[in-house]
Amino acid sequence: MKNSILLATACCALLLGACERPGVVVTPAPTVVAAPAPTVIAVPGPAGAPGATGATGATGDTGNTGNTGNTGNTGSTGATGYTGATGSTGAEGQRGKTGDNIVVVPTR
């Protein structure tokens, strides 16, 4: 019951709020103003000459160059390697024998 009354109230508020009603139109009363005295309007003259160009700013100083590093020491020379022993001369070979001639004939 409590929820149904709350729901019905919310629906009524939405439905009545959605109705469009015309607004009240208010027209202001006319104002009577006395004629003003003639005003003088100043007209600007021609533009003047452009101003002088400003001076150029000073250039900044260049920084100092850093010192060059010292050259490193040269390394010592390595020791000479061992030279191997000379090999012995081999025995003299025997004289070759004369062989037979072999002729290879292809077959068909």
PDB file of N, CA and C in Angstrom:
ATOM      1  N   MET A   1       0.816  -1.183   0.000  1.00  0.00           N
ATOM      2  CA  MET A   1       0.000   0.000   0.000  1.00  0.00           C
ATOM      3  C   MET A   1       0.864   1.253   0.000  1.00  0.00           C
ATOM      4  N   LYS A   2       1.921   1.195   0.799  1.00  0.00           N
ATOM      5  CA  LYS A   2       2.789   2.357   0.912  1.00  0.00           C
ATOM      6  C   LYS A   2       3.457   2.643  -0.430  1.00  0.00           C
ATOM      7  N   ASN A   3       3.900   1.575  -1.117  1.00  0.00           N
ATOM      8  CA  ASN A   3       4.588   1.751  -2.404  1.00  0.00           C
ATOM      9  C   ASN A   3       3.623   2.198  -3.500  1.00  0.00           C
ATOM     10  N   SER A   4       2.401   1.752  -3.477  1.00  0.00           N
ATOM     11  CA  SER A   4       1.457   2.127  -4.530  1.00  0.00           C
ATOM     12  C   SER A   4       1.085   3.605  -4.426  1.00  0.00           C
ATOM     13  N   ILE A   5       0.972   4.140  -3.220  1.00  0.00           N
ATOM     14  CA  ILE A   5       0.673   5.571  -3.050  1.00  0.00           C
ATOM     15  C   ILE A   5       1.856   6.401  -3.541  1.00  0.00           C
ATOM     16  N   LEU A   6       3.045   5.959  -3.230  1.00  0.00           N
ATOM     17  CA  LEU A   6       4.253   6.668  -3.660  1.00  0.00           C
ATOM     18  C   LEU A   6       4.364   6.655  -5.179  1.00  0.00           C
ATOM     19  N   LEU A   7       4.061   5.523  -5.823  1.00  0.00           N
ATOM     20  CA  LEU A   7       4.114   5.400  -7.276  1.00  0.00           C
ATOM     21  C   LEU A   7       3.047   6.274  -7.929  1.00  0.00           C
ATOM     22  N   ALA A   8       1.874   6.292  -7.383  1.00  0.00           N
ATOM     23  CA  ALA A   8       0.786   7.117  -7.931  1.00  0.00           C
ATOM     24  C   ALA A   8       1.139   8.596  -7.823  1.00  0.00           C
ATOM     25  N   THR A   9       1.734   9.016  -6.741  1.00  0.00           N
ATOM     26  CA  THR A   9       2.133  10.417  -6.556  1.00  0.00           C
ATOM     27  C   THR A   9       3.197  10.807  -7.572  1.00  0.00           C
ATOM     28  N   ALA A  10       4.153   9.926  -7.801  1.00  0.00           N
ATOM     29  CA  ALA A  10       5.225  10.216  -8.758  1.00  0.00           C
ATOM     30  C   ALA A  10       4.668  10.312 -10.175  1.00  0.00           C
ATOM     31  N   CYS A  11       3.719   9.432 -10.537  1.00  0.00           N
ATOM     32  CA  CYS A  11       3.108   9.470 -11.878  1.00  0.00           C
ATOM     33  C   CYS A  11       2.327  10.757 -12.072  1.00  0.00           C
ATOM     34  N   CYS A  12       1.566  11.171 -11.058  1.00  0.00           N
ATOM     35  CA  CYS A  12       0.797  12.418 -11.163  1.00  0.00           C
ATOM     36  C   CYS A  12       1.714  13.616 -11.342  1.00  0.00           C
ATOM     37  N   ALA A  13       2.813  13.631 -10.616  1.00  0.00           N
ATOM     38  CA  ALA A  13       3.745  14.753 -10.722  1.00  0.00           C
ATOM     39  C   ALA A  13       4.346  14.814 -12.124  1.00  0.00           C
ATOM     40  N   LEU A  14       4.669  13.663 -12.698  1.00  0.00           N
ATOM     41  CA  LEU A  14       5.240  13.639 -14.040  1.00  0.00           C
ATOM     42  C   LEU A  14       4.213  14.053 -15.088  1.00  0.00           C
ATOM     43  N   LEU A  15       2.975  13.558 -14.957  1.00  0.00           N
ATOM     44  CA  LEU A  15       1.946  13.885 -15.936  1.00  0.00           C
ATOM     45  C   LEU A  15       1.580  15.367 -15.893  1.00  0.00           C
ATOM     46  N   LEU A  16       1.452  15.930 -14.705  1.00  0.00           N
ATOM     47  CA  LEU A  16       1.098  17.333 -14.602  1.00  0.00           C
ATOM     48  C   LEU A  16       2.257  18.228 -15.029  1.00  0.00           C
ATOM     49  N   GLY A  17       3.480  17.784 -14.783  1.00  0.00           N
ATOM     50  CA  GLY A  17       4.654  18.572 -15.189  1.00  0.00           C
ATOM     51  C   GLY A  17       4.850  18.554 -16.686  1.00  0.00           C
ATOM     52  N   ALA A  18       4.337  17.534 -17.362  1.00  0.00           N
ATOM     53  CA  ALA A  18       4.511  17.426 -18.806  1.00  0.00           C
ATOM     54  C   ALA A  18       3.479  18.228 -19.565  1.00  0.00           C
ATOM     55  N   CYS A  19       2.430  18.691 -18.895  1.00  0.00           N
ATOM     56  CA  CYS A  19       1.401  19.476 -19.574  1.00  0.00           C
ATOM     57  C   CYS A  19       1.989  20.802 -20.022  1.00  0.00           C
ATOM     58  N   GLU A  20       1.593  21.209 -21.237  1.00  0.00           N
ATOM     59  CA  GLU A  20       2.107  22.468 -21.759  1.00  0.00           C
ATOM     60  C   GLU A  20       1.087  23.549 -21.454  1.00  0.00           C
ATOM     61  N   ARG A  21       1.495  24.593 -20.812  1.00  0.00           N
ATOM     62  CA  ARG A  21       0.597  25.691 -20.551  1.00  0.00           C
ATOM     63  C   ARG A  21       1.216  26.950 -21.125  1.00  0.00           C
ATOM     64  N   PRO A  22       0.396  27.769 -21.696  1.00  0.00           N
ATOM     65  CA  PRO A  22       0.939  28.987 -22.312  1.00  0.00           C
ATOM     66  C   PRO A  22       1.451  29.940 -21.242  1.00  0.00           C
ATOM     67  N   GLY A  23       2.550  30.621 -21.561  1.00  0.00           N
ATOM     68  CA  GLY A  23       3.117  31.568 -20.610  1.00  0.00           C
ATOM     69  C   GLY A  23       2.361  32.883 -20.657  1.00  0.00           C
ATOM     70  N   VAL A  24       2.502  33.687 -19.656  1.00  0.00           N
ATOM     71  CA  VAL A  24       1.842  34.983 -19.572  1.00  0.00           C
ATOM     72  C   VAL A  24       2.662  35.966 -20.384  1.00  0.00           C
ATOM     73  N   VAL A  25       2.003  36.666 -21.318  1.00  0.00           N
ATOM     74  CA  VAL A  25       2.692  37.635 -22.159  1.00  0.00           C
ATOM     75  C   VAL A  25       2.526  39.004 -21.535  1.00  0.00           C
ATOM     76  N   VAL A  26       3.626  39.629 -21.224  1.00  0.00           N
ATOM     77  CA  VAL A  26       3.581  40.962 -20.620  1.00  0.00           C
ATOM     78  C   VAL A  26       4.123  41.940 -21.646  1.00  0.00           C
ATOM     79  N   THR A  27       3.323  42.943 -21.979  1.00  0.00           N
ATOM     80  CA  THR A  27       3.789  43.952 -22.927  1.00  0.00           C
ATOM     81  C   THR A  27       4.181  45.193 -22.136  1.00  0.00           C
ATOM     82  N   PRO A  28       5.370  45.704 -22.362  1.00  0.00           N
ATOM     83  CA  PRO A  28       5.800  46.887 -21.599  1.00  0.00           C
ATOM     84  C   PRO A  28       5.081  48.148 -22.088  1.00  0.00           C
ATOM     85  N   ALA A  29       4.953  49.086 -21.207  1.00  0.00           N
ATOM     86  CA  ALA A  29       4.303  50.357 -21.547  1.00  0.00           C
ATOM     87  C   ALA A  29       5.245  51.168 -22.418  1.00  0.00           C
ATOM     88  N   PRO A  30       4.707  51.892 -23.400  1.00  0.00           N
ATOM     89  CA  PRO A  30       5.584  52.696 -24.254  1.00  0.00           C
ATOM     90  C   PRO A  30       6.220  53.832 -23.468  1.00  0.00           C
ATOM     91  N   THR A  31       7.485  54.107 -23.782  1.00  0.00           N
ATOM     92  CA  THR A  31       8.218  55.163 -23.090  1.00  0.00           C
ATOM     93  C   THR A  31       8.322  56.370 -24.009  1.00  0.00           C
ATOM     94  N   VAL A  32       8.031  57.502 -23.458  1.00  0.00           N
ATOM     95  CA  VAL A  32       8.115  58.736 -24.238  1.00  0.00           C
ATOM     96  C   VAL A  32       9.437  59.390 -23.889  1.00  0.00           C
ATOM     97  N   VAL A  33      10.212  59.655 -24.936  1.00  0.00           N
ATOM     98  CA  VAL A  33      11.525  60.253 -24.719  1.00  0.00           C
ATOM     99  C   VAL A  33      11.563  61.557 -25.493  1.00  0.00           C
ATOM    100  N   ALA A  34      12.102  62.578 -24.843  1.00  0.00           N
ATOM    101  CA  ALA A  34      12.234  63.867 -25.521  1.00  0.00           C
ATOM    102  C   ALA A  34      13.348  63.756 -26.545  1.00  0.00           C
ATOM    103  N   ALA A  35      13.236  64.514 -27.606  1.00  0.00           N
ATOM    104  CA  ALA A  35      14.245  64.473 -28.665  1.00  0.00           C
ATOM    105  C   ALA A  35      15.568  64.987 -28.121  1.00  0.00           C
ATOM    106  N   PRO A  36      16.630  64.246 -28.303  1.00  0.00           N
ATOM    107  CA  PRO A  36      17.918  64.701 -27.766  1.00  0.00           C
ATOM    108  C   PRO A  36      18.527  65.796 -28.640  1.00  0.00           C
ATOM    109  N   ALA A  37      19.445  66.495 -28.043  1.00  0.00           N
ATOM    110  CA  ALA A  37      20.155  67.530 -28.783  1.00  0.00           C
ATOM    111  C   ALA A  37      21.073  66.845 -29.794  1.00  0.00           C
ATOM    112  N   PRO A  38      21.355  67.477 -30.931  1.00  0.00           N
ATOM    113  CA  PRO A  38      22.236  66.844 -31.918  1.00  0.00           C
ATOM    114  C   PRO A  38      23.623  66.603 -31.334  1.00  0.00           C
ATOM    115  N   THR A  39      24.154  65.450 -31.626  1.00  0.00           N
ATOM    116  CA  THR A  39      25.473  65.074 -31.105  1.00  0.00           C
ATOM    117  C   THR A  39      26.511  65.158 -32.222  1.00  0.00           C
ATOM    118  N   VAL A  40      27.672  65.581 -31.840  1.00  0.00           N
ATOM    119  CA  VAL A  40      28.776  65.656 -32.794  1.00  0.00           C
ATOM    120  C   VAL A  40      29.573  64.356 -32.675  1.00  0.00           C
ATOM    121  N   ILE A  41      29.706  63.677 -33.782  1.00  0.00           N
ATOM    122  CA  ILE A  41      30.454  62.414 -33.780  1.00  0.00           C
ATOM    123  C   ILE A  41      31.827  62.681 -34.374  1.00  0.00           C
ATOM    124  N   ALA A  42      32.852  62.324 -33.638  1.00  0.00           N
ATOM    125  CA  ALA A  42      34.229  62.544 -34.111  1.00  0.00           C
ATOM    126  C   ALA A  42      34.590  61.474 -35.134  1.00  0.00           C
ATOM    127  N   VAL A  43      35.142  61.904 -36.249  1.00  0.00           N
ATOM    128  CA  VAL A  43      35.569  60.984 -37.305  1.00  0.00           C
ATOM    129  C   VAL A  43      37.074  60.843 -37.201  1.00  0.00           C
ATOM    130  N   PRO A  44      37.598  59.629 -37.120  1.00  0.00           N
ATOM    131  CA  PRO A  44      39.045  59.476 -36.986  1.00  0.00           C
ATOM    132  C   PRO A  44      39.759  59.911 -38.262  1.00  0.00           C
ATOM    133  N   GLY A  45      40.946  60.487 -38.083  1.00  0.00           N
ATOM    134  CA  GLY A  45      41.765  60.931 -39.206  1.00  0.00           C
ATOM    135  C   GLY A  45      42.574  59.793 -39.787  1.00  0.00           C
ATOM    136  N   PRO A  46      43.443  60.098 -40.743  1.00  0.00           N
ATOM    137  CA  PRO A  46      44.252  59.040 -41.345  1.00  0.00           C
ATOM    138  C   PRO A  46      45.249  58.469 -40.333  1.00  0.00           C
ATOM    139  N   ALA A  47      45.680  57.266 -40.590  1.00  0.00           N
ATOM    140  CA  ALA A  47      46.610  56.599 -39.675  1.00  0.00           C
ATOM    141  C   ALA A  47      47.973  57.266 -39.736  1.00  0.00           C
ATOM    142  N   GLY A  48      48.665  57.274 -38.634  1.00  0.00           N
ATOM    143  CA  GLY A  48      49.994  57.880 -38.566  1.00  0.00           C
ATOM    144  C   GLY A  48      51.062  56.933 -39.124  1.00  0.00           C
ATOM    145  N   ALA A  49      52.281  57.452 -39.217  1.00  0.00           N
ATOM    146  CA  ALA A  49      53.403  56.648 -39.729  1.00  0.00           C
ATOM    147  C   ALA A  49      53.743  55.553 -38.738  1.00  0.00           C
ATOM    148  N   PRO A  50      54.251  54.389 -39.246  1.00  0.00           N
ATOM    149  CA  PRO A  50      54.604  53.316 -38.312  1.00  0.00           C
ATOM    150  C   PRO A  50      55.808  53.689 -37.459  1.00  0.00           C
ATOM    151  N   GLY A  51      55.888  53.111 -36.284  1.00  0.00           N
ATOM    152  CA  GLY A  51      56.990  53.392 -35.368  1.00  0.00           C
ATOM    153  C   GLY A  51      58.297  52.763 -35.832  1.00  0.00           C
ATOM    154  N   ALA A  52      59.391  53.205 -35.245  1.00  0.00           N
ATOM    155  CA  ALA A  52      60.723  52.700 -35.607  1.00  0.00           C
ATOM    156  C   ALA A  52      60.901  51.272 -35.119  1.00  0.00           C
ATOM    157  N   THR A  53      61.748  50.519 -35.811  1.00  0.00           N
ATOM    158  CA  THR A  53      62.022  49.139 -35.439  1.00  0.00           C
ATOM    159  C   THR A  53      62.937  49.114 -34.226  1.00  0.00           C
ATOM    160  N   GLY A  54      62.703  48.194 -33.319  1.00  0.00           N
ATOM    161  CA  GLY A  54      63.525  48.086 -32.123  1.00  0.00           C
ATOM    162  C   GLY A  54      64.919  47.557 -32.423  1.00  0.00           C
ATOM    163  N   ALA A  55      65.847  47.777 -31.508  1.00  0.00           N
ATOM    164  CA  ALA A  55      67.235  47.329 -31.681  1.00  0.00           C
ATOM    165  C   ALA A  55      67.326  45.820 -31.507  1.00  0.00           C
ATOM    166  N   THR A  56      68.305  45.204 -32.179  1.00  0.00           N
ATOM    167  CA  THR A  56      68.522  43.757 -32.071  1.00  0.00           C
ATOM    168  C   THR A  56      69.201  43.445 -30.750  1.00  0.00           C
ATOM    169  N   GLY A  57      68.820  42.359 -30.124  1.00  0.00           N
ATOM    170  CA  GLY A  57      69.413  41.974 -28.850  1.00  0.00           C
ATOM    171  C   GLY A  57      70.841  41.466 -29.008  1.00  0.00           C
ATOM    172  N   ALA A  58      71.579  41.462 -27.917  1.00  0.00           N
ATOM    173  CA  ALA A  58      72.984  41.026 -27.941  1.00  0.00           C
ATOM    174  C   ALA A  58      73.068  39.514 -28.116  1.00  0.00           C
ATOM    175  N   THR A  59      74.145  39.064 -28.772  1.00  0.00           N
ATOM    176  CA  THR A  59      74.368  37.633 -28.981  1.00  0.00           C
ATOM    177  C   THR A  59      75.022  37.046 -27.736  1.00  0.00           C
ATOM    178  N   GLY A  60      74.619  35.859 -27.350  1.00  0.00           N
ATOM    179  CA  GLY A  60      75.193  35.222 -26.166  1.00  0.00           C
ATOM    180  C   GLY A  60      76.619  34.731 -26.411  1.00  0.00           C
ATOM    181  N   ASP A  61      77.378  34.526 -25.327  1.00  0.00           N
ATOM    182  CA  ASP A  61      78.759  34.042 -25.440  1.00  0.00           C
ATOM    183  C   ASP A  61      78.782  32.557 -25.749  1.00  0.00           C
ATOM    184  N   THR A  62      79.811  32.149 -26.500  1.00  0.00           N
ATOM    185  CA  THR A  62      80.003  30.739 -26.798  1.00  0.00           C
ATOM    186  C   THR A  62      80.779  30.114 -25.642  1.00  0.00           C
ATOM    187  N   GLY A  63      80.407  28.942 -25.239  1.00  0.00           N
ATOM    188  CA  GLY A  63      81.092  28.290 -24.122  1.00  0.00           C
ATOM    189  C   GLY A  63      82.510  27.849 -24.483  1.00  0.00           C
ATOM    190  N   ASN A  64      83.342  27.594 -23.462  1.00  0.00           N
ATOM    191  CA  ASN A  64      84.723  27.151 -23.678  1.00  0.00           C
ATOM    192  C   ASN A  64      84.752  25.709 -24.159  1.00  0.00           C
ATOM    193  N   THR A  65      85.781  25.394 -24.967  1.00  0.00           N
ATOM    194  CA  THR A  65      85.967  24.030 -25.436  1.00  0.00           C
ATOM    195  C   THR A  65      86.651  23.217 -24.344  1.00  0.00           C
ATOM    196  N   GLY A  66      86.232  21.984 -24.149  1.00  0.00           N
ATOM    197  CA  GLY A  66      86.830  21.134 -23.114  1.00  0.00           C
ATOM    198  C   GLY A  66      88.252  20.692 -23.463  1.00  0.00           C
ATOM    199  N   ASN A  67      89.015  20.261 -22.457  1.00  0.00           N
ATOM    200  CA  ASN A  67      90.393  19.788 -22.663  1.00  0.00           C
ATOM    201  C   ASN A  67      90.396  18.442 -23.358  1.00  0.00           C
ATOM    202  N   THR A  68      91.446  18.226 -24.180  1.00  0.00           N
ATOM    203  CA  THR A  68      91.611  16.949 -24.852  1.00  0.00           C
ATOM    204  C   THR A  68      92.288  15.980 -23.893  1.00  0.00           C
ATOM    205  N   GLY A  69      91.862  14.751 -23.853  1.00  0.00           N
ATOM    206  CA  GLY A  69      92.444  13.766 -22.945  1.00  0.00           C
ATOM    207  C   GLY A  69      93.850  13.346 -23.366  1.00  0.00           C
ATOM    208  N   ASN A  70      94.624  12.797 -22.428  1.00  0.00           N
ATOM    209  CA  ASN A  70      95.996  12.337 -22.707  1.00  0.00           C
ATOM    210  C   ASN A  70      95.969  11.047 -23.517  1.00  0.00           C
ATOM    211  N   THR A  71      97.031  10.860 -24.326  1.00  0.00           N
ATOM    212  CA  THR A  71      97.162   9.637 -25.105  1.00  0.00           C
ATOM    213  C   THR A  71      97.601   8.504 -24.185  1.00  0.00           C
ATOM    214  N   GLY A  72      97.057   7.321 -24.383  1.00  0.00           N
ATOM    215  CA  GLY A  72      97.410   6.177 -23.533  1.00  0.00           C
ATOM    216  C   GLY A  72      98.801   5.635 -23.844  1.00  0.00           C
ATOM    217  N   ASN A  73      99.366   4.837 -22.918  1.00  0.00           N
ATOM    218  CA  ASN A  73     100.700   4.239 -23.095  1.00  0.00           C
ATOM    219  C   ASN A  73     100.626   3.084 -24.084  1.00  0.00           C
ATOM    220  N   THR A  74     101.747   2.881 -24.807  1.00  0.00           N
ATOM    221  CA  THR A  74     101.825   1.770 -25.751  1.00  0.00           C
ATOM    222  C   THR A  74     102.124   0.490 -24.983  1.00  0.00           C
ATOM    223  N   GLY A  75     101.465  -0.595 -25.337  1.00  0.00           N
ATOM    224  CA  GLY A  75     101.686  -1.869 -24.653  1.00  0.00           C
ATOM    225  C   GLY A  75     103.031  -2.488 -25.034  1.00  0.00           C
ATOM    226  N   SER A  76     103.541  -3.404 -24.200  1.00  0.00           N
ATOM    227  CA  SER A  76     104.836  -4.049 -24.480  1.00  0.00           C
ATOM    228  C   SER A  76     104.656  -5.123 -25.545  1.00  0.00           C
ATOM    229  N   THR A  77     105.761  -5.404 -26.260  1.00  0.00           N
ATOM    230  CA  THR A  77     105.730  -6.401 -27.327  1.00  0.00           C
ATOM    231  C   THR A  77     105.749  -7.791 -26.711  1.00  0.00           C
ATOM    232  N   GLY A  78     104.978  -8.691 -27.267  1.00  0.00           N
ATOM    233  CA  GLY A  78     104.925 -10.054 -26.738  1.00  0.00           C
ATOM    234  C   GLY A  78     106.185 -10.858 -27.082  1.00  0.00           C
ATOM    235  N   ALA A  79     106.404 -11.956 -26.368  1.00  0.00           N
ATOM    236  CA  ALA A  79     107.589 -12.809 -26.592  1.00  0.00           C
ATOM    237  C   ALA A  79     107.417 -13.587 -27.891  1.00  0.00           C
ATOM    238  N   THR A  80     108.544 -13.915 -28.528  1.00  0.00           N
ATOM    239  CA  THR A  80     108.521 -14.675 -29.769  1.00  0.00           C
ATOM    240  C   THR A  80     108.153 -16.121 -29.460  1.00  0.00           C
ATOM    241  N   GLY A  81     107.334 -16.711 -30.300  1.00  0.00           N
ATOM    242  CA  GLY A  81     106.905 -18.088 -30.086  1.00  0.00           C
ATOM    243  C   GLY A  81     108.018 -19.107 -30.390  1.00  0.00           C
ATOM    244  N   TYR A  82     107.843 -20.373 -29.944  1.00  0.00           N
ATOM    245  CA  TYR A  82     108.823 -21.451 -30.123  1.00  0.00           C
ATOM    246  C   TYR A  82     108.825 -21.893 -31.576  1.00  0.00           C
ATOM    247  N   THR A  83     110.009 -22.007 -32.124  1.00  0.00           N
ATOM    248  CA  THR A  83     110.142 -22.512 -33.486  1.00  0.00           C
ATOM    249  C   THR A  83     110.259 -24.017 -33.408  1.00  0.00           C
ATOM    250  N   GLY A  84     109.478 -24.734 -34.157  1.00  0.00           N
ATOM    251  CA  GLY A  84     109.488 -26.204 -34.092  1.00  0.00           C
ATOM    252  C   GLY A  84     110.767 -26.799 -34.672  1.00  0.00           C
ATOM    253  N   ALA A  85     111.053 -28.046 -34.296  1.00  0.00           N
ATOM    254  CA  ALA A  85     112.261 -28.736 -34.784  1.00  0.00           C
ATOM    255  C   ALA A  85     112.066 -29.128 -36.241  1.00  0.00           C
ATOM    256  N   THR A  86     113.175 -29.237 -36.971  1.00  0.00           N
ATOM    257  CA  THR A  86     113.121 -29.620 -38.368  1.00  0.00           C
ATOM    258  C   THR A  86     112.897 -31.118 -38.459  1.00  0.00           C
ATOM    259  N   GLY A  87     112.026 -31.550 -39.332  1.00  0.00           N
ATOM    260  CA  GLY A  87     111.730 -32.965 -39.482  1.00  0.00           C
ATOM    261  C   GLY A  87     112.852 -33.712 -40.211  1.00  0.00           C
ATOM    262  N   SER A  88     112.903 -35.017 -40.039  1.00  0.00           N
ATOM    263  CA  SER A  88     113.959 -35.811 -40.684  1.00  0.00           C
ATOM    264  C   SER A  88     113.576 -36.080 -42.131  1.00  0.00           C
ATOM    265  N   THR A  89     114.591 -36.343 -42.924  1.00  0.00           N
ATOM    266  CA  THR A  89     114.372 -36.630 -44.329  1.00  0.00           C
ATOM    267  C   THR A  89     113.967 -38.084 -44.447  1.00  0.00           C
ATOM    268  N   GLY A  90     113.015 -38.386 -45.242  1.00  0.00           N
ATOM    269  CA  GLY A  90     112.521 -39.743 -45.379  1.00  0.00           C
ATOM    270  C   GLY A  90     113.462 -40.606 -46.225  1.00  0.00           C
ATOM    271  N   ALA A  91     113.234 -41.898 -46.201  1.00  0.00           N
ATOM    272  CA  ALA A  91     114.074 -42.836 -46.971  1.00  0.00           C
ATOM    273  C   ALA A  91     113.752 -42.697 -48.452  1.00  0.00           C
ATOM    274  N   GLU A  92     114.707 -43.020 -49.271  1.00  0.00           N
ATOM    275  CA  GLU A  92     114.523 -42.896 -50.700  1.00  0.00           C
ATOM    276  C   GLU A  92     113.637 -44.026 -51.157  1.00  0.00           C
ATOM    277  N   GLY A  93     112.711 -43.724 -52.064  1.00  0.00           N
ATOM    278  CA  GLY A  93     111.780 -44.726 -52.540  1.00  0.00           C
ATOM    279  C   GLY A  93     112.416 -45.680 -53.548  1.00  0.00           C
ATOM    280  N   GLN A  94     111.788 -46.842 -53.787  1.00  0.00           N
ATOM    281  CA  GLN A  94     112.293 -47.825 -54.743  1.00  0.00           C
ATOM    282  C   GLN A  94     111.840 -47.469 -56.149  1.00  0.00           C
ATOM    283  N   ARG A  95     112.568 -47.982 -57.072  1.00  0.00           N
ATOM    284  CA  ARG A  95     112.269 -47.703 -58.457  1.00  0.00           C
ATOM    285  C   ARG A  95     111.021 -48.493 -58.817  1.00  0.00           C
ATOM    286  N   GLY A  96     110.140 -47.877 -59.642  1.00  0.00           N
ATOM    287  CA  GLY A  96     108.897 -48.527 -60.018  1.00  0.00           C
ATOM    288  C   GLY A  96     109.111 -49.603 -61.067  1.00  0.00           C
ATOM    289  N   LYS A  97     108.189 -50.563 -61.120  1.00  0.00           N
ATOM    290  CA  LYS A  97     108.257 -51.660 -62.084  1.00  0.00           C
ATOM    291  C   LYS A  97     107.436 -51.280 -63.304  1.00  0.00           C
ATOM    292  N   THR A  98     107.774 -51.835 -64.408  1.00  0.00           N
ATOM    293  CA  THR A  98     107.030 -51.577 -65.629  1.00  0.00           C
ATOM    294  C   THR A  98     105.802 -52.450 -65.570  1.00  0.00           C
ATOM    295  N   GLY A  99     104.682 -51.902 -65.974  1.00  0.00           N
ATOM    296  CA  GLY A  99     103.460 -52.660 -65.900  1.00  0.00           C
ATOM    297  C   GLY A  99     102.949 -53.041 -67.268  1.00  0.00           C
ATOM    298  N   ASP A 100     101.885 -53.855 -67.298  1.00  0.00           N
ATOM    299  CA  ASP A 100     101.253 -54.253 -68.549  1.00  0.00           C
ATOM    300  C   ASP A 100     100.256 -53.184 -68.952  1.00  0.00           C
ATOM    301  N   ASN A 101     100.014 -53.066 -70.279  1.00  0.00           N
ATOM    302  CA  ASN A 101      99.023 -52.119 -70.768  1.00  0.00           C
ATOM    303  C   ASN A 101      97.663 -52.795 -70.762  1.00  0.00           C
ATOM    304  N   ILE A 102      96.657 -52.171 -70.290  1.00  0.00           N
ATOM    305  CA  ILE A 102      95.321 -52.709 -70.258  1.00  0.00           C
ATOM    306  C   ILE A 102      94.448 -51.825 -71.143  1.00  0.00           C
ATOM    307  N   VAL A 103      93.733 -52.440 -72.087  1.00  0.00           N
ATOM    308  CA  VAL A 103      92.860 -51.725 -72.979  1.00  0.00           C
ATOM    309  C   VAL A 103      91.426 -52.080 -72.595  1.00  0.00           C
ATOM    310  N   VAL A 104      90.604 -51.085 -72.370  1.00  0.00           N
ATOM    311  CA  VAL A 104      89.211 -51.322 -71.988  1.00  0.00           C
ATOM    312  C   VAL A 104      88.372 -51.059 -73.244  1.00  0.00           C
ATOM    313  N   VAL A 105      87.644 -52.111 -73.684  1.00  0.00           N
ATOM    314  CA  VAL A 105      86.785 -51.986 -74.849  1.00  0.00           C
ATOM    315  C   VAL A 105      85.344 -52.042 -74.373  1.00  0.00           C
ATOM    316  N   PRO A 106      84.589 -51.037 -74.648  1.00  0.00           N
ATOM    317  CA  PRO A 106      83.210 -51.057 -74.191  1.00  0.00           C
ATOM    318  C   PRO A 106      82.364 -52.053 -74.989  1.00  0.00           C
ATOM    319  N   THR A 107      81.405 -52.640 -74.348  1.00  0.00           N
ATOM    320  CA  THR A 107      80.528 -53.603 -75.030  1.00  0.00           C
ATOM    321  C   THR A 107      79.248 -52.900 -75.406  1.00  0.00           C
ATOM    322  N   ARG A 108      78.606 -53.503 -76.374  1.00  0.00           N
ATOM    323  CA  ARG A 108      77.372 -52.895 -76.810  1.00  0.00           C
ATOM    324  C   ARG A 108      76.209 -53.349 -76.034  1.00  0.00           C
TER     325      ARG A 108
END
